[in-house]
mmCIF file of all heavy atoms, coordinates in Angstrom:
data_MODEL
# 
_entry.id   MODEL 
# 
loop_
_atom_site.group_PDB 
_atom_site.id 
_atom_site.type_symbol 
_atom_site.label_atom_id 
_atom_site.label_alt_id 
_atom_site.label_comp_id 
_atom_site.label_asym_id 
_atom_site.label_entity_id 
_atom_site.label_seq_id 
_atom_site.pdbx_PDB_ins_code 
_atom_site.Cartn_x 
_atom_site.Cartn_y 
_atom_site.Cartn_z 
_atom_site.occupancy 
_atom_site.B_iso_or_equiv 
_atom_site.pdbx_formal_charge 
_atom_site.auth_seq_id 
_atom_site.auth_comp_id 
_atom_site.auth_asym_id 
_atom_site.auth_atom_id 
_atom_site.pdbx_PDB_model_num 
ATOM 1   N N   . LEU A 1 1  ? -0.280  5.420   2.967  1.00 0.00 ? 1  LEU A N   1 
ATOM 2   C CA  . LEU A 1 1  ? 0.523   6.632   2.986  1.00 0.00 ? 1  LEU A CA  1 
ATOM 3   C C   . LEU A 1 1  ? 1.972   6.299   3.147  1.00 0.00 ? 1  LEU A C   1 
ATOM 4   O O   . LEU A 1 1  ? 2.340   5.806   4.225  1.00 0.00 ? 1  LEU A O   1 
ATOM 5   C CB  . LEU A 1 1  ? 0.015   7.568   4.079  1.00 0.00 ? 1  LEU A CB  1 
ATOM 6   C CG  . LEU A 1 1  ? 0.752   8.946   4.159  1.00 0.00 ? 1  LEU A CG  1 
ATOM 7   C CD1 . LEU A 1 1  ? 0.637   9.723   2.907  1.00 0.00 ? 1  LEU A CD1 1 
ATOM 8   C CD2 . LEU A 1 1  ? 0.149   9.724   5.344  1.00 0.00 ? 1  LEU A CD2 1 
ATOM 9   N N   . GLY A 1 2  ? 2.782   6.507   2.104  1.00 0.00 ? 2  GLY A N   1 
ATOM 10  C CA  . GLY A 1 2  ? 4.216   6.206   2.194  1.00 0.00 ? 2  GLY A CA  1 
ATOM 11  C C   . GLY A 1 2  ? 4.620   4.882   1.632  1.00 0.00 ? 2  GLY A C   1 
ATOM 12  O O   . GLY A 1 2  ? 4.008   3.823   2.060  1.00 0.00 ? 2  GLY A O   1 
ATOM 13  N N   . LEU A 1 3  ? 5.524   4.876   0.712  1.00 0.00 ? 3  LEU A N   1 
ATOM 14  C CA  . LEU A 1 3  ? 5.960   3.631   0.089  1.00 0.00 ? 3  LEU A CA  1 
ATOM 15  C C   . LEU A 1 3  ? 7.358   3.281   0.442  1.00 0.00 ? 3  LEU A C   1 
ATOM 16  O O   . LEU A 1 3  ? 8.327   3.668   -0.193 1.00 0.00 ? 3  LEU A O   1 
ATOM 17  C CB  . LEU A 1 3  ? 5.813   3.775   -1.449 1.00 0.00 ? 3  LEU A CB  1 
ATOM 18  C CG  . LEU A 1 3  ? 6.127   2.499   -2.263 1.00 0.00 ? 3  LEU A CG  1 
ATOM 19  C CD1 . LEU A 1 3  ? 5.258   1.319   -1.800 1.00 0.00 ? 3  LEU A CD1 1 
ATOM 20  C CD2 . LEU A 1 3  ? 5.882   2.735   -3.749 1.00 0.00 ? 3  LEU A CD2 1 
ATOM 21  N N   . GLY A 1 4  ? 7.468   2.578   1.528  1.00 0.00 ? 4  GLY A N   1 
ATOM 22  C CA  . GLY A 1 4  ? 8.802   2.065   2.018  1.00 0.00 ? 4  GLY A CA  1 
ATOM 23  C C   . GLY A 1 4  ? 8.686   0.671   2.530  1.00 0.00 ? 4  GLY A C   1 
ATOM 24  O O   . GLY A 1 4  ? 7.858   -0.081  1.994  1.00 0.00 ? 4  GLY A O   1 
ATOM 25  N N   . GLY A 1 5  ? 9.439   0.305   3.546  1.00 0.00 ? 5  GLY A N   1 
ATOM 26  C CA  . GLY A 1 5  ? 9.416   -1.067  4.042  1.00 0.00 ? 5  GLY A CA  1 
ATOM 27  C C   . GLY A 1 5  ? 8.058   -1.500  4.524  1.00 0.00 ? 5  GLY A C   1 
ATOM 28  O O   . GLY A 1 5  ? 7.560   -2.558  4.181  1.00 0.00 ? 5  GLY A O   1 
ATOM 29  N N   . LEU A 1 6  ? 7.365   -0.641  5.273  1.00 0.00 ? 6  LEU A N   1 
ATOM 30  C CA  . LEU A 1 6  ? 6.011   -0.907  5.721  1.00 0.00 ? 6  LEU A CA  1 
ATOM 31  C C   . LEU A 1 6  ? 4.972   -0.678  4.643  1.00 0.00 ? 6  LEU A C   1 
ATOM 32  O O   . LEU A 1 6  ? 4.114   -1.578  4.427  1.00 0.00 ? 6  LEU A O   1 
ATOM 33  C CB  . LEU A 1 6  ? 5.668   0.027   6.899  1.00 0.00 ? 6  LEU A CB  1 
ATOM 34  C CG  . LEU A 1 6  ? 6.402   -0.171  8.203  1.00 0.00 ? 6  LEU A CG  1 
ATOM 35  C CD1 . LEU A 1 6  ? 5.968   0.855   9.265  1.00 0.00 ? 6  LEU A CD1 1 
ATOM 36  C CD2 . LEU A 1 6  ? 6.188   -1.616  8.790  1.00 0.00 ? 6  LEU A CD2 1 
ATOM 37  N N   . GLY A 1 7  ? 5.137   0.399   3.907  1.00 0.00 ? 7  GLY A N   1 
ATOM 38  C CA  . GLY A 1 7  ? 4.117   0.691   2.883  1.00 0.00 ? 7  GLY A CA  1 
ATOM 39  C C   . GLY A 1 7  ? 3.982   -0.302  1.783  1.00 0.00 ? 7  GLY A C   1 
ATOM 40  O O   . GLY A 1 7  ? 2.866   -0.652  1.375  1.00 0.00 ? 7  GLY A O   1 
ATOM 41  N N   . HIS A 1 8  ? 5.094   -0.888  1.370  1.00 0.00 ? 8  HIS A N   1 
ATOM 42  C CA  . HIS A 1 8  ? 4.987   -1.815  0.283  1.00 0.00 ? 8  HIS A CA  1 
ATOM 43  C C   . HIS A 1 8  ? 4.352   -3.119  0.727  1.00 0.00 ? 8  HIS A C   1 
ATOM 44  O O   . HIS A 1 8  ? 3.610   -3.769  -0.073 1.00 0.00 ? 8  HIS A O   1 
ATOM 45  C CB  . HIS A 1 8  ? 6.354   -2.075  -0.368 1.00 0.00 ? 8  HIS A CB  1 
ATOM 46  C CG  . HIS A 1 8  ? 7.189   -3.240  0.128  1.00 0.00 ? 8  HIS A CG  1 
ATOM 47  N ND1 . HIS A 1 8  ? 7.790   -3.192  1.344  1.00 0.00 ? 8  HIS A ND1 1 
ATOM 48  C CD2 . HIS A 1 8  ? 7.455   -4.410  -0.431 1.00 0.00 ? 8  HIS A CD2 1 
ATOM 49  C CE1 . HIS A 1 8  ? 8.415   -4.300  1.537  1.00 0.00 ? 8  HIS A CE1 1 
ATOM 50  N NE2 . HIS A 1 8  ? 8.275   -5.131  0.468  1.00 0.00 ? 8  HIS A NE2 1 
ATOM 51  N N   . MET A 1 9  ? 4.552   -3.486  2.002  1.00 0.00 ? 9  MET A N   1 
ATOM 52  C CA  . MET A 1 9  ? 3.802   -4.666  2.517  1.00 0.00 ? 9  MET A CA  1 
ATOM 53  C C   . MET A 1 9  ? 2.360   -4.370  2.753  1.00 0.00 ? 9  MET A C   1 
ATOM 54  O O   . MET A 1 9  ? 1.477   -5.184  2.533  1.00 0.00 ? 9  MET A O   1 
ATOM 55  C CB  . MET A 1 9  ? 4.424   -5.110  3.805  1.00 0.00 ? 9  MET A CB  1 
ATOM 56  C CG  . MET A 1 9  ? 5.865   -5.752  3.635  1.00 0.00 ? 9  MET A CG  1 
ATOM 57  S SD  . MET A 1 9  ? 5.897   -7.037  2.443  1.00 0.00 ? 9  MET A SD  1 
ATOM 58  C CE  . MET A 1 9  ? 4.587   -8.176  2.956  1.00 0.00 ? 9  MET A CE  1 
ATOM 59  N N   . ALA A 1 10 ? 2.007   -3.139  3.207  1.00 0.00 ? 10 ALA A N   1 
ATOM 60  C CA  . ALA A 1 10 ? 0.630   -2.762  3.351  1.00 0.00 ? 10 ALA A CA  1 
ATOM 61  C C   . ALA A 1 10 ? -0.118  -2.861  2.044  1.00 0.00 ? 10 ALA A C   1 
ATOM 62  O O   . ALA A 1 10 ? -1.279  -3.326  2.019  1.00 0.00 ? 10 ALA A O   1 
ATOM 63  C CB  . ALA A 1 10 ? 0.544   -1.327  3.937  1.00 0.00 ? 10 ALA A CB  1 
ATOM 64  N N   . VAL A 1 11 ? 0.475   -2.424  0.983  1.00 0.00 ? 11 VAL A N   1 
ATOM 65  C CA  . VAL A 1 11 ? -0.178  -2.528  -0.328 1.00 0.00 ? 11 VAL A CA  1 
ATOM 66  C C   . VAL A 1 11 ? -0.431  -3.954  -0.714 1.00 0.00 ? 11 VAL A C   1 
ATOM 67  O O   . VAL A 1 11 ? -1.499  -4.444  -1.121 1.00 0.00 ? 11 VAL A O   1 
ATOM 68  C CB  . VAL A 1 11 ? 0.690   -1.817  -1.413 1.00 0.00 ? 11 VAL A CB  1 
ATOM 69  C CG1 . VAL A 1 11 ? 0.164   -2.168  -2.804 1.00 0.00 ? 11 VAL A CG1 1 
ATOM 70  C CG2 . VAL A 1 11 ? 0.733   -0.353  -1.237 1.00 0.00 ? 11 VAL A CG2 1 
ATOM 71  N N   . LYS A 1 12 ? 0.656   -4.817  -0.540 1.00 0.00 ? 12 LYS A N   1 
ATOM 72  C CA  . LYS A 1 12 ? 0.530   -6.212  -0.897 1.00 0.00 ? 12 LYS A CA  1 
ATOM 73  C C   . LYS A 1 12 ? -0.585  -6.973  -0.126 1.00 0.00 ? 12 LYS A C   1 
ATOM 74  O O   . LYS A 1 12 ? -1.417  -7.687  -0.721 1.00 0.00 ? 12 LYS A O   1 
ATOM 75  C CB  . LYS A 1 12 ? 1.849   -7.001  -0.684 1.00 0.00 ? 12 LYS A CB  1 
ATOM 76  C CG  . LYS A 1 12 ? 2.919   -6.571  -1.638 1.00 0.00 ? 12 LYS A CG  1 
ATOM 77  C CD  . LYS A 1 12 ? 4.134   -7.440  -1.516 1.00 0.00 ? 12 LYS A CD  1 
ATOM 78  C CE  . LYS A 1 12 ? 5.257   -7.089  -2.516 1.00 0.00 ? 12 LYS A CE  1 
ATOM 79  N NZ  . LYS A 1 12 ? 6.303   -8.046  -2.553 1.00 0.00 ? 12 LYS A NZ  1 
ATOM 80  N N   . PHE A 1 13 ? -0.652  -6.678  1.166  1.00 0.00 ? 13 PHE A N   1 
ATOM 81  C CA  . PHE A 1 13 ? -1.675  -7.391  2.014  1.00 0.00 ? 13 PHE A CA  1 
ATOM 82  C C   . PHE A 1 13 ? -3.079  -6.834  1.656  1.00 0.00 ? 13 PHE A C   1 
ATOM 83  O O   . PHE A 1 13 ? -4.008  -7.591  1.544  1.00 0.00 ? 13 PHE A O   1 
ATOM 84  C CB  . PHE A 1 13 ? -1.350  -7.226  3.464  1.00 0.00 ? 13 PHE A CB  1 
ATOM 85  C CG  . PHE A 1 13 ? -0.278  -8.133  3.993  1.00 0.00 ? 13 PHE A CG  1 
ATOM 86  C CD1 . PHE A 1 13 ? 0.732   -7.599  4.787  1.00 0.00 ? 13 PHE A CD1 1 
ATOM 87  C CD2 . PHE A 1 13 ? -0.308  -9.463  3.708  1.00 0.00 ? 13 PHE A CD2 1 
ATOM 88  C CE1 . PHE A 1 13 ? 1.760   -8.467  5.262  1.00 0.00 ? 13 PHE A CE1 1 
ATOM 89  C CE2 . PHE A 1 13 ? 0.653   -10.342 4.195  1.00 0.00 ? 13 PHE A CE2 1 
ATOM 90  C CZ  . PHE A 1 13 ? 1.715   -9.803  4.977  1.00 0.00 ? 13 PHE A CZ  1 
ATOM 91  N N   . ALA A 1 14 ? -3.216  -5.505  1.642  1.00 0.00 ? 14 ALA A N   1 
ATOM 92  C CA  . ALA A 1 14 ? -4.560  -4.958  1.393  1.00 0.00 ? 14 ALA A CA  1 
ATOM 93  C C   . ALA A 1 14 ? -5.157  -5.388  0.031  1.00 0.00 ? 14 ALA A C   1 
ATOM 94  O O   . ALA A 1 14 ? -6.353  -5.693  -0.066 1.00 0.00 ? 14 ALA A O   1 
ATOM 95  C CB  . ALA A 1 14 ? -4.468  -3.430  1.427  1.00 0.00 ? 14 ALA A CB  1 
ATOM 96  N N   . VAL A 1 15 ? -4.311  -5.448  -0.963 1.00 0.00 ? 15 VAL A N   1 
ATOM 97  C CA  . VAL A 1 15 ? -4.728  -5.924  -2.287 1.00 0.00 ? 15 VAL A CA  1 
ATOM 98  C C   . VAL A 1 15 ? -5.111  -7.407  -2.192 1.00 0.00 ? 15 VAL A C   1 
ATOM 99  O O   . VAL A 1 15 ? -6.139  -7.838  -2.720 1.00 0.00 ? 15 VAL A O   1 
ATOM 100 C CB  . VAL A 1 15 ? -3.607  -5.736  -3.325 1.00 0.00 ? 15 VAL A CB  1 
ATOM 101 C CG1 . VAL A 1 15 ? -3.949  -6.469  -4.643 1.00 0.00 ? 15 VAL A CG1 1 
ATOM 102 C CG2 . VAL A 1 15 ? -3.415  -4.268  -3.647 1.00 0.00 ? 15 VAL A CG2 1 
ATOM 103 N N   . SER A 1 16 ? -4.302  -8.203  -1.547 1.00 0.00 ? 16 SER A N   1 
ATOM 104 C CA  . SER A 1 16 ? -4.566  -9.611  -1.395 1.00 0.00 ? 16 SER A CA  1 
ATOM 105 C C   . SER A 1 16 ? -5.908  -9.898  -0.615 1.00 0.00 ? 16 SER A C   1 
ATOM 106 O O   . SER A 1 16 ? -6.637  -10.813 -0.872 1.00 0.00 ? 16 SER A O   1 
ATOM 107 C CB  . SER A 1 16 ? -3.423  -10.282 -0.596 1.00 0.00 ? 16 SER A CB  1 
ATOM 108 O OG  . SER A 1 16 ? -3.684  -11.703 -0.408 1.00 0.00 ? 16 SER A OG  1 
ATOM 109 N N   . PHE A 1 17 ? -6.180  -8.963  0.333  1.00 0.00 ? 17 PHE A N   1 
ATOM 110 C CA  . PHE A 1 17 ? -7.447  -9.122  1.111  1.00 0.00 ? 17 PHE A CA  1 
ATOM 111 C C   . PHE A 1 17 ? -8.658  -8.656  0.346  1.00 0.00 ? 17 PHE A C   1 
ATOM 112 O O   . PHE A 1 17 ? -9.825  -8.814  0.795  1.00 0.00 ? 17 PHE A O   1 
ATOM 113 C CB  . PHE A 1 17 ? -7.349  -8.370  2.393  1.00 0.00 ? 17 PHE A CB  1 
ATOM 114 C CG  . PHE A 1 17 ? -6.255  -8.817  3.402  1.00 0.00 ? 17 PHE A CG  1 
ATOM 115 C CD1 . PHE A 1 17 ? -5.815  -8.020  4.389  1.00 0.00 ? 17 PHE A CD1 1 
ATOM 116 C CD2 . PHE A 1 17 ? -5.692  -10.087 3.232  1.00 0.00 ? 17 PHE A CD2 1 
ATOM 117 C CE1 . PHE A 1 17 ? -4.822  -8.460  5.273  1.00 0.00 ? 17 PHE A CE1 1 
ATOM 118 C CE2 . PHE A 1 17 ? -4.696  -10.563 4.070  1.00 0.00 ? 17 PHE A CE2 1 
ATOM 119 C CZ  . PHE A 1 17 ? -4.287  -9.710  5.092  1.00 0.00 ? 17 PHE A CZ  1 
ATOM 120 N N   . GLY A 1 18 ? -8.468  -8.122  -0.878 1.00 0.00 ? 18 GLY A N   1 
ATOM 121 C CA  . GLY A 1 18 ? -9.595  -7.777  -1.714 1.00 0.00 ? 18 GLY A CA  1 
ATOM 122 C C   . GLY A 1 18 ? -9.989  -6.294  -1.700 1.00 0.00 ? 18 GLY A C   1 
ATOM 123 O O   . GLY A 1 18 ? -10.983 -5.931  -2.325 1.00 0.00 ? 18 GLY A O   1 
ATOM 124 N N   . ALA A 1 19 ? -9.246  -5.448  -1.013 1.00 0.00 ? 19 ALA A N   1 
ATOM 125 C CA  . ALA A 1 19 ? -9.574  -4.051  -0.924 1.00 0.00 ? 19 ALA A CA  1 
ATOM 126 C C   . ALA A 1 19 ? -9.130  -3.303  -2.236 1.00 0.00 ? 19 ALA A C   1 
ATOM 127 O O   . ALA A 1 19 ? -8.281  -3.794  -2.952 1.00 0.00 ? 19 ALA A O   1 
ATOM 128 C CB  . ALA A 1 19 ? -8.929  -3.396  0.258  1.00 0.00 ? 19 ALA A CB  1 
ATOM 129 N N   . GLU A 1 20 ? -9.794  -2.178  -2.414 1.00 0.00 ? 20 GLU A N   1 
ATOM 130 C CA  . GLU A 1 20 ? -9.379  -1.276  -3.487 1.00 0.00 ? 20 GLU A CA  1 
ATOM 131 C C   . GLU A 1 20 ? -8.326  -0.302  -2.904 1.00 0.00 ? 20 GLU A C   1 
ATOM 132 O O   . GLU A 1 20 ? -8.623  0.455   -1.991 1.00 0.00 ? 20 GLU A O   1 
ATOM 133 C CB  . GLU A 1 20 ? -10.562 -0.436  -4.077 1.00 0.00 ? 20 GLU A CB  1 
ATOM 134 C CG  . GLU A 1 20 ? -10.211 0.471   -5.214 1.00 0.00 ? 20 GLU A CG  1 
ATOM 135 C CD  . GLU A 1 20 ? -11.424 1.236   -5.721 1.00 0.00 ? 20 GLU A CD  1 
ATOM 136 O OE1 . GLU A 1 20 ? -12.582 0.783   -5.518 1.00 0.00 ? 20 GLU A OE1 1 
ATOM 137 O OE2 . GLU A 1 20 ? -11.236 2.320   -6.303 1.00 0.00 ? 20 GLU A OE2 1 
ATOM 138 N N   . VAL A 1 21 ? -7.088  -0.352  -3.456 1.00 0.00 ? 21 VAL A N   1 
ATOM 139 C CA  . VAL A 1 21 ? -5.968  0.289   -2.771 1.00 0.00 ? 21 VAL A CA  1 
ATOM 140 C C   . VAL A 1 21 ? -5.436  1.436   -3.561 1.00 0.00 ? 21 VAL A C   1 
ATOM 141 O O   . VAL A 1 21 ? -5.202  1.351   -4.774 1.00 0.00 ? 21 VAL A O   1 
ATOM 142 C CB  . VAL A 1 21 ? -4.829  -0.758  -2.545 1.00 0.00 ? 21 VAL A CB  1 
ATOM 143 C CG1 . VAL A 1 21 ? -3.648  -0.087  -1.869 1.00 0.00 ? 21 VAL A CG1 1 
ATOM 144 C CG2 . VAL A 1 21 ? -5.358  -1.885  -1.692 1.00 0.00 ? 21 VAL A CG2 1 
ATOM 145 N N   . THR A 1 22 ? -5.222  2.551   -2.845 1.00 0.00 ? 22 THR A N   1 
ATOM 146 C CA  . THR A 1 22 ? -4.643  3.790   -3.384 1.00 0.00 ? 22 THR A CA  1 
ATOM 147 C C   . THR A 1 22 ? -3.386  4.071   -2.672 1.00 0.00 ? 22 THR A C   1 
ATOM 148 O O   . THR A 1 22 ? -3.331  4.102   -1.447 1.00 0.00 ? 22 THR A O   1 
ATOM 149 C CB  . THR A 1 22 ? -5.572  4.984   -3.245 1.00 0.00 ? 22 THR A CB  1 
ATOM 150 O OG1 . THR A 1 22 ? -6.824  4.731   -3.984 1.00 0.00 ? 22 THR A OG1 1 
ATOM 151 C CG2 . THR A 1 22 ? -4.937  6.260   -3.779 1.00 0.00 ? 22 THR A CG2 1 
ATOM 152 N N   . MET A 1 23 ? -2.284  4.310   -3.431 1.00 0.00 ? 23 MET A N   1 
ATOM 153 C CA  . MET A 1 23 ? -1.041  4.709   -2.848 1.00 0.00 ? 23 MET A CA  1 
ATOM 154 C C   . MET A 1 23 ? -0.994  6.224   -2.809 1.00 0.00 ? 23 MET A C   1 
ATOM 155 O O   . MET A 1 23 ? -1.243  6.928   -3.810 1.00 0.00 ? 23 MET A O   1 
ATOM 156 C CB  . MET A 1 23 ? 0.132   4.180   -3.635 1.00 0.00 ? 23 MET A CB  1 
ATOM 157 C CG  . MET A 1 23 ? 1.520   4.800   -3.322 1.00 0.00 ? 23 MET A CG  1 
ATOM 158 S SD  . MET A 1 23 ? 1.983   4.686   -1.544 1.00 0.00 ? 23 MET A SD  1 
ATOM 159 C CE  . MET A 1 23 ? 1.972   2.899   -1.324 1.00 0.00 ? 23 MET A CE  1 
ATOM 160 N N   . LEU A 1 24 ? -0.730  6.803   -1.591 1.00 0.00 ? 24 LEU A N   1 
ATOM 161 C CA  . LEU A 1 24 ? -0.535  8.216   -1.458 1.00 0.00 ? 24 LEU A CA  1 
ATOM 162 C C   . LEU A 1 24 ? 0.949   8.536   -1.213 1.00 0.00 ? 24 LEU A C   1 
ATOM 163 O O   . LEU A 1 24 ? 1.559   7.967   -0.323 1.00 0.00 ? 24 LEU A O   1 
ATOM 164 C CB  . LEU A 1 24 ? -1.347  8.720   -0.263 1.00 0.00 ? 24 LEU A CB  1 
ATOM 165 C CG  . LEU A 1 24 ? -2.845  8.477   -0.237 1.00 0.00 ? 24 LEU A CG  1 
ATOM 166 C CD1 . LEU A 1 24 ? -3.424  8.956   1.064  1.00 0.00 ? 24 LEU A CD1 1 
ATOM 167 C CD2 . LEU A 1 24 ? -3.505  9.199   -1.438 1.00 0.00 ? 24 LEU A CD2 1 
ATOM 168 N N   . SER A 1 25 ? 1.540   9.405   -1.993 1.00 0.00 ? 25 SER A N   1 
ATOM 169 C CA  . SER A 1 25 ? 2.946   9.597   -1.907 1.00 0.00 ? 25 SER A CA  1 
ATOM 170 C C   . SER A 1 25 ? 3.313   11.030  -2.333 1.00 0.00 ? 25 SER A C   1 
ATOM 171 O O   . SER A 1 25 ? 2.565   11.690  -3.113 1.00 0.00 ? 25 SER A O   1 
ATOM 172 C CB  . SER A 1 25 ? 3.737   8.657   -2.852 1.00 0.00 ? 25 SER A CB  1 
ATOM 173 O OG  . SER A 1 25 ? 5.095   8.897   -2.782 1.00 0.00 ? 25 SER A OG  1 
ATOM 174 N N   . THR A 1 26 ? 4.427   11.511  -1.817 1.00 0.00 ? 26 THR A N   1 
ATOM 175 C CA  . THR A 1 26 ? 4.905   12.891  -2.175 1.00 0.00 ? 26 THR A CA  1 
ATOM 176 C C   . THR A 1 26 ? 5.797   12.809  -3.462 1.00 0.00 ? 26 THR A C   1 
ATOM 177 O O   . THR A 1 26 ? 6.172   13.795  -3.996 1.00 0.00 ? 26 THR A O   1 
ATOM 178 C CB  . THR A 1 26 ? 5.781   13.457  -1.109 1.00 0.00 ? 26 THR A CB  1 
ATOM 179 O OG1 . THR A 1 26 ? 6.885   12.599  -0.808 1.00 0.00 ? 26 THR A OG1 1 
ATOM 180 C CG2 . THR A 1 26 ? 4.973   13.664  0.169  1.00 0.00 ? 26 THR A CG2 1 
ATOM 181 N N   . SER A 1 27 ? 6.073   11.614  -3.910 1.00 0.00 ? 27 SER A N   1 
ATOM 182 C CA  . SER A 1 27 ? 7.043   11.351  -5.027 1.00 0.00 ? 27 SER A CA  1 
ATOM 183 C C   . SER A 1 27 ? 6.323   10.742  -6.203 1.00 0.00 ? 27 SER A C   1 
ATOM 184 O O   . SER A 1 27 ? 5.866   9.603   -6.154 1.00 0.00 ? 27 SER A O   1 
ATOM 185 C CB  . SER A 1 27 ? 8.183   10.487  -4.558 1.00 0.00 ? 27 SER A CB  1 
ATOM 186 O OG  . SER A 1 27 ? 9.025   10.175  -5.663 1.00 0.00 ? 27 SER A OG  1 
# 
């Protein structure tokens, strides 16, 4: 939830760890 400084790293790590990742955003 949220694509900023934290969010973009959370996506990178979760994908790297093998999870299926969904970005939730208001934009």
